[in-house]
Amino acid sequence: MSLHHVPDREAAAAEIARVLRPGGRVLLRSTFSDRMPDLKWMRYFPRAREIEMQMFPSSEEVIRVFANAGLTQVALRTESQRLSRKIADAGDLDIRTYV
């Protein structure tokens, strides 16, 4: 969820490959510009999609950068994330801290 903040992705991928044990795996959880979901809130902010398309790398770019570092893509899939309308459903949070 932070790869888009890394200015030198090539160096980051090389460092990840260097410290990863042989046979180890890396999980990158991110939004990719070529797999941008149609989020409801984007209707209220007309430039949001355009800004995020520039901010997030494409999946092809990330696959290429990590391949150049010697890592091989195993899978690329979309996962759903359940969001709640109530803060109380967020887990073990003490709702009183938000009142």
N, C-alpha and C. Protein backbone atom coordinates (compact mmCIF):
# COMPACT_ATOMS: atom_id res chain seq x y z
N MET A 1 0.81 -1.20 0.00
CA MET A 1 0.00 0.00 0.00
C MET A 1 0.86 1.27 0.00
N SER A 2 2.14 1.13 -0.26
CA SER A 2 2.99 2.33 -0.23
C SER A 2 3.95 2.43 -1.41
N LEU A 3 3.93 1.47 -2.30
CA LEU A 3 4.90 1.48 -3.41
C LEU A 3 4.81 2.76 -4.23
N HIS A 4 3.63 3.32 -4.38
CA HIS A 4 3.49 4.54 -5.17
C HIS A 4 4.18 5.75 -4.53
N HIS A 5 4.57 5.64 -3.27
CA HIS A 5 5.31 6.71 -2.59
C HIS A 5 6.82 6.59 -2.76
N VAL A 6 7.28 5.49 -3.30
CA VAL A 6 8.72 5.23 -3.43
C VAL A 6 9.23 5.89 -4.71
N PRO A 7 10.13 6.86 -4.60
CA PRO A 7 10.60 7.57 -5.80
C PRO A 7 11.49 6.72 -6.71
N ASP A 8 12.27 5.81 -6.14
CA ASP A 8 13.17 4.98 -6.95
C ASP A 8 12.75 3.51 -6.80
N ARG A 9 11.77 3.12 -7.59
CA ARG A 9 11.23 1.76 -7.49
C ARG A 9 12.25 0.71 -7.92
N GLU A 10 13.12 1.07 -8.84
CA GLU A 10 14.16 0.12 -9.26
C GLU A 10 15.08 -0.23 -8.10
N ALA A 11 15.51 0.78 -7.36
CA ALA A 11 16.37 0.55 -6.20
C ALA A 11 15.63 -0.23 -5.12
N ALA A 12 14.36 0.08 -4.93
CA ALA A 12 13.57 -0.63 -3.92
C ALA A 12 13.42 -2.11 -4.30
N ALA A 13 13.14 -2.37 -5.56
CA ALA A 13 13.00 -3.77 -6.01
C ALA A 13 14.32 -4.51 -5.87
N ALA A 14 15.42 -3.86 -6.20
CA ALA A 14 16.74 -4.49 -6.06
C ALA A 14 17.04 -4.81 -4.61
N GLU A 15 16.68 -3.90 -3.70
CA GLU A 15 16.93 -4.14 -2.27
C GLU A 15 16.03 -5.26 -1.74
N ILE A 16 14.80 -5.29 -2.19
CA ILE A 16 13.90 -6.38 -1.78
C ILE A 16 14.45 -7.71 -2.27
N ALA A 17 14.90 -7.75 -3.51
CA ALA A 17 15.47 -8.99 -4.05
C ALA A 17 16.74 -9.39 -3.29
N ARG A 18 17.53 -8.41 -2.88
CA ARG A 18 18.77 -8.70 -2.16
C ARG A 18 18.50 -9.33 -0.80
N VAL A 19 17.51 -8.83 -0.07
CA VAL A 19 17.28 -9.32 1.30
C VAL A 19 16.30 -10.50 1.36
N LEU A 20 15.64 -10.79 0.27
CA LEU A 20 14.69 -11.90 0.25
C LEU A 20 15.43 -13.23 0.26
N ARG A 21 15.03 -14.12 1.15
CA ARG A 21 15.71 -15.41 1.20
C ARG A 21 15.42 -16.20 -0.08
N PRO A 22 16.30 -17.10 -0.47
CA PRO A 22 16.07 -17.91 -1.66
C PRO A 22 14.72 -18.63 -1.58
N GLY A 23 13.94 -18.52 -2.63
CA GLY A 23 12.62 -19.14 -2.65
C GLY A 23 11.55 -18.33 -1.95
N GLY A 24 11.94 -17.18 -1.37
CA GLY A 24 10.98 -16.34 -0.66
C GLY A 24 10.03 -15.64 -1.63
N ARG A 25 8.95 -15.12 -1.08
CA ARG A 25 7.95 -14.43 -1.90
C ARG A 25 7.71 -13.02 -1.38
N VAL A 26 7.32 -12.15 -2.27
CA VAL A 26 6.98 -10.77 -1.94
C VAL A 26 5.52 -10.58 -2.32
N LEU A 27 4.76 -9.98 -1.43
CA LEU A 27 3.37 -9.62 -1.72
C LEU A 27 3.30 -8.11 -1.84
N LEU A 28 2.88 -7.65 -2.99
CA LEU A 28 2.65 -6.22 -3.20
C LEU A 28 1.15 -6.00 -3.25
N ARG A 29 0.66 -5.24 -2.30
CA ARG A 29 -0.77 -4.91 -2.29
C ARG A 29 -0.86 -3.43 -2.63
N SER A 30 -1.48 -3.15 -3.76
CA SER A 30 -1.51 -1.77 -4.23
C SER A 30 -2.62 -1.58 -5.23
N THR A 31 -2.86 -0.34 -5.55
CA THR A 31 -3.70 0.02 -6.68
C THR A 31 -2.75 0.26 -7.85
N PHE A 32 -3.16 -0.15 -9.02
CA PHE A 32 -2.36 0.05 -10.22
C PHE A 32 -3.16 0.90 -11.20
N SER A 33 -2.48 1.77 -11.91
CA SER A 33 -3.18 2.71 -12.80
C SER A 33 -3.99 1.99 -13.88
N ASP A 34 -3.53 0.85 -14.32
CA ASP A 34 -4.26 0.11 -15.36
C ASP A 34 -5.33 -0.82 -14.80
N ARG A 35 -5.49 -0.83 -13.49
CA ARG A 35 -6.50 -1.67 -12.84
C ARG A 35 -7.30 -0.84 -11.82
N MET A 36 -7.46 0.43 -12.14
CA MET A 36 -8.12 1.38 -11.24
C MET A 36 -9.61 1.05 -11.12
N PRO A 37 -10.07 0.82 -9.90
CA PRO A 37 -11.50 0.53 -9.73
C PRO A 37 -12.34 1.80 -9.91
N ASP A 38 -13.61 1.61 -10.19
CA ASP A 38 -14.54 2.73 -10.30
C ASP A 38 -15.12 2.96 -8.91
N LEU A 39 -14.49 3.84 -8.16
CA LEU A 39 -14.90 4.09 -6.79
C LEU A 39 -15.98 5.16 -6.73
N LYS A 40 -16.97 4.93 -5.91
CA LYS A 40 -18.13 5.82 -5.82
C LYS A 40 -17.73 7.26 -5.52
N TRP A 41 -16.76 7.45 -4.63
CA TRP A 41 -16.39 8.81 -4.23
C TRP A 41 -15.78 9.60 -5.37
N MET A 42 -15.29 8.94 -6.41
CA MET A 42 -14.70 9.65 -7.53
C MET A 42 -15.73 10.48 -8.29
N ARG A 43 -17.01 10.13 -8.15
CA ARG A 43 -18.06 10.93 -8.79
C ARG A 43 -18.12 12.33 -8.22
N TYR A 44 -17.73 12.49 -6.98
CA TYR A 44 -17.80 13.78 -6.31
C TYR A 44 -16.54 14.62 -6.49
N PHE A 45 -15.47 13.99 -6.94
CA PHE A 45 -14.20 14.67 -7.15
C PHE A 45 -13.75 14.37 -8.59
N PRO A 46 -14.17 15.19 -9.53
CA PRO A 46 -13.96 14.90 -10.96
C PRO A 46 -12.52 14.62 -11.37
N ARG A 47 -11.55 15.24 -10.72
CA ARG A 47 -10.15 15.02 -11.11
C ARG A 47 -9.48 13.87 -10.37
N ALA A 48 -10.18 13.24 -9.45
CA ALA A 48 -9.58 12.19 -8.63
C ALA A 48 -8.99 11.06 -9.47
N ARG A 49 -9.76 10.57 -10.44
CA ARG A 49 -9.25 9.46 -11.27
C ARG A 49 -7.99 9.89 -12.02
N GLU A 50 -8.01 11.07 -12.61
CA GLU A 50 -6.85 11.56 -13.36
C GLU A 50 -5.62 11.66 -12.46
N ILE A 51 -5.79 12.18 -11.26
CA ILE A 51 -4.68 12.32 -10.31
C ILE A 51 -4.15 10.95 -9.90
N GLU A 52 -5.05 10.03 -9.60
CA GLU A 52 -4.61 8.70 -9.18
C GLU A 52 -3.97 7.92 -10.33
N MET A 53 -4.42 8.15 -11.55
CA MET A 53 -3.80 7.48 -12.69
C MET A 53 -2.33 7.90 -12.82
N GLN A 54 -2.03 9.14 -12.47
CA GLN A 54 -0.65 9.63 -12.51
C GLN A 54 0.14 9.17 -11.29
N MET A 55 -0.53 9.01 -10.17
CA MET A 55 0.14 8.68 -8.91
C MET A 55 0.55 7.21 -8.83
N PHE A 56 -0.32 6.32 -9.29
CA PHE A 56 -0.06 4.89 -9.16
C PHE A 56 0.63 4.34 -10.40
N PRO A 57 1.62 3.46 -10.22
CA PRO A 57 2.27 2.84 -11.38
C PRO A 57 1.33 1.80 -11.99
N SER A 58 1.59 1.43 -13.22
CA SER A 58 0.80 0.37 -13.86
C SER A 58 1.32 -0.98 -13.36
N SER A 59 0.49 -1.98 -13.49
CA SER A 59 0.93 -3.33 -13.09
C SER A 59 2.09 -3.78 -13.99
N GLU A 60 2.04 -3.42 -15.26
CA GLU A 60 3.12 -3.78 -16.18
C GLU A 60 4.45 -3.16 -15.75
N GLU A 61 4.40 -1.90 -15.31
CA GLU A 61 5.63 -1.23 -14.84
C GLU A 61 6.21 -1.95 -13.63
N VAL A 62 5.37 -2.28 -12.67
CA VAL A 62 5.83 -2.94 -11.45
C VAL A 62 6.39 -4.33 -11.77
N ILE A 63 5.71 -5.07 -12.62
CA ILE A 63 6.19 -6.40 -13.01
C ILE A 63 7.55 -6.29 -13.69
N ARG A 64 7.71 -5.30 -14.57
CA ARG A 64 8.99 -5.10 -15.27
C ARG A 64 10.10 -4.72 -14.29
N VAL A 65 9.82 -3.79 -13.39
CA VAL A 65 10.83 -3.33 -12.42
C VAL A 65 11.30 -4.49 -11.54
N PHE A 66 10.36 -5.30 -11.06
CA PHE A 66 10.74 -6.42 -10.20
C PHE A 66 11.40 -7.54 -11.01
N ALA A 67 11.02 -7.72 -12.26
CA ALA A 67 11.70 -8.70 -13.11
C ALA A 67 13.14 -8.29 -13.36
N ASN A 68 13.36 -7.00 -13.56
CA ASN A 68 14.74 -6.50 -13.74
C ASN A 68 15.59 -6.73 -12.51
N ALA A 69 14.95 -6.85 -11.35
CA ALA A 69 15.67 -7.14 -10.10
C ALA A 69 15.82 -8.63 -9.87
N GLY A 70 15.33 -9.44 -10.82
CA GLY A 70 15.50 -10.90 -10.71
C GLY A 70 14.31 -11.63 -10.09
N LEU A 71 13.20 -10.94 -9.90
CA LEU A 71 12.03 -11.57 -9.29
C LEU A 71 10.99 -11.89 -10.37
N THR A 72 10.30 -12.99 -10.18
CA THR A 72 9.33 -13.47 -11.15
C THR A 72 7.92 -13.33 -10.63
N GLN A 73 7.04 -12.86 -11.47
CA GLN A 73 5.63 -12.72 -11.09
C GLN A 73 5.00 -14.10 -10.94
N VAL A 74 4.30 -14.31 -9.84
CA VAL A 74 3.58 -15.56 -9.60
C VAL A 74 2.10 -15.38 -9.91
N ALA A 75 1.52 -14.26 -9.49
CA ALA A 75 0.09 -14.01 -9.71
C ALA A 75 -0.18 -12.52 -9.70
N LEU A 76 -1.27 -12.15 -10.32
CA LEU A 76 -1.80 -10.80 -10.28
C LEU A 76 -3.31 -10.95 -10.21
N ARG A 77 -3.87 -10.56 -9.08
CA ARG A 77 -5.31 -10.74 -8.95
C ARG A 77 -5.93 -9.59 -8.18
N THR A 78 -7.22 -9.47 -8.35
CA THR A 78 -7.98 -8.44 -7.66
C THR A 78 -8.63 -9.06 -6.44
N GLU A 79 -8.47 -8.40 -5.32
CA GLU A 79 -9.07 -8.86 -4.07
C GLU A 79 -10.09 -7.82 -3.61
N SER A 80 -11.15 -8.28 -3.02
CA SER A 80 -12.15 -7.38 -2.46
C SER A 80 -11.80 -7.06 -1.02
N GLN A 81 -12.14 -5.87 -0.62
CA GLN A 81 -11.93 -5.46 0.76
C GLN A 81 -13.27 -4.97 1.29
N ARG A 82 -13.74 -5.60 2.34
CA ARG A 82 -15.02 -5.22 2.92
C ARG A 82 -14.84 -3.99 3.79
N LEU A 83 -15.61 -2.99 3.52
CA LEU A 83 -15.58 -1.78 4.32
C LEU A 83 -16.91 -1.66 5.04
N SER A 84 -16.87 -1.18 6.24
CA SER A 84 -18.07 -1.04 7.04
C SER A 84 -18.52 0.41 7.08
N ARG A 85 -19.80 0.61 7.24
CA ARG A 85 -20.34 1.95 7.38
C ARG A 85 -20.24 2.44 8.83
N LYS A 86 -19.95 1.51 9.76
CA LYS A 86 -19.90 1.87 11.17
C LYS A 86 -18.49 1.68 11.72
N ILE A 87 -18.00 2.65 12.44
CA ILE A 87 -16.66 2.56 13.04
C ILE A 87 -16.59 1.40 14.03
N ALA A 88 -17.70 1.07 14.67
CA ALA A 88 -17.70 -0.01 15.65
C ALA A 88 -17.38 -1.35 15.02
N ASP A 89 -17.61 -1.49 13.71
CA ASP A 89 -17.31 -2.75 13.02
C ASP A 89 -15.84 -2.86 12.61
N ALA A 90 -15.04 -1.87 12.93
CA ALA A 90 -13.66 -1.85 12.48
C ALA A 90 -12.75 -2.79 13.26
N GLY A 91 -13.25 -3.43 14.25
CA GLY A 91 -12.42 -4.39 14.98
C GLY A 91 -12.43 -4.12 16.46
N ASP A 92 -11.27 -4.19 17.06
CA ASP A 92 -11.16 -4.05 18.51
C ASP A 92 -10.98 -2.61 18.96
N LEU A 93 -11.45 -1.67 18.17
CA LEU A 93 -11.31 -0.28 18.54
C LEU A 93 -12.30 0.09 19.63
N ASP A 94 -11.88 0.93 20.52
CA ASP A 94 -12.76 1.44 21.57
C ASP A 94 -13.50 2.64 21.00
N ILE A 95 -14.78 2.45 20.72
CA ILE A 95 -15.58 3.50 20.06
C ILE A 95 -15.60 4.79 20.88
N ARG A 96 -15.41 4.70 22.17
CA ARG A 96 -15.44 5.91 23.02
C ARG A 96 -14.32 6.88 22.65
N THR A 97 -13.23 6.39 22.10
CA THR A 97 -12.14 7.29 21.74
C THR A 97 -12.50 8.17 20.56
N TYR A 98 -13.58 7.85 19.85
CA TYR A 98 -13.98 8.60 18.66
C TYR A 98 -15.19 9.49 18.91
N VAL A 99 -15.68 9.52 20.14
CA VAL A 99 -16.87 10.32 20.45
C VAL A 99 -16.48 11.74 20.78
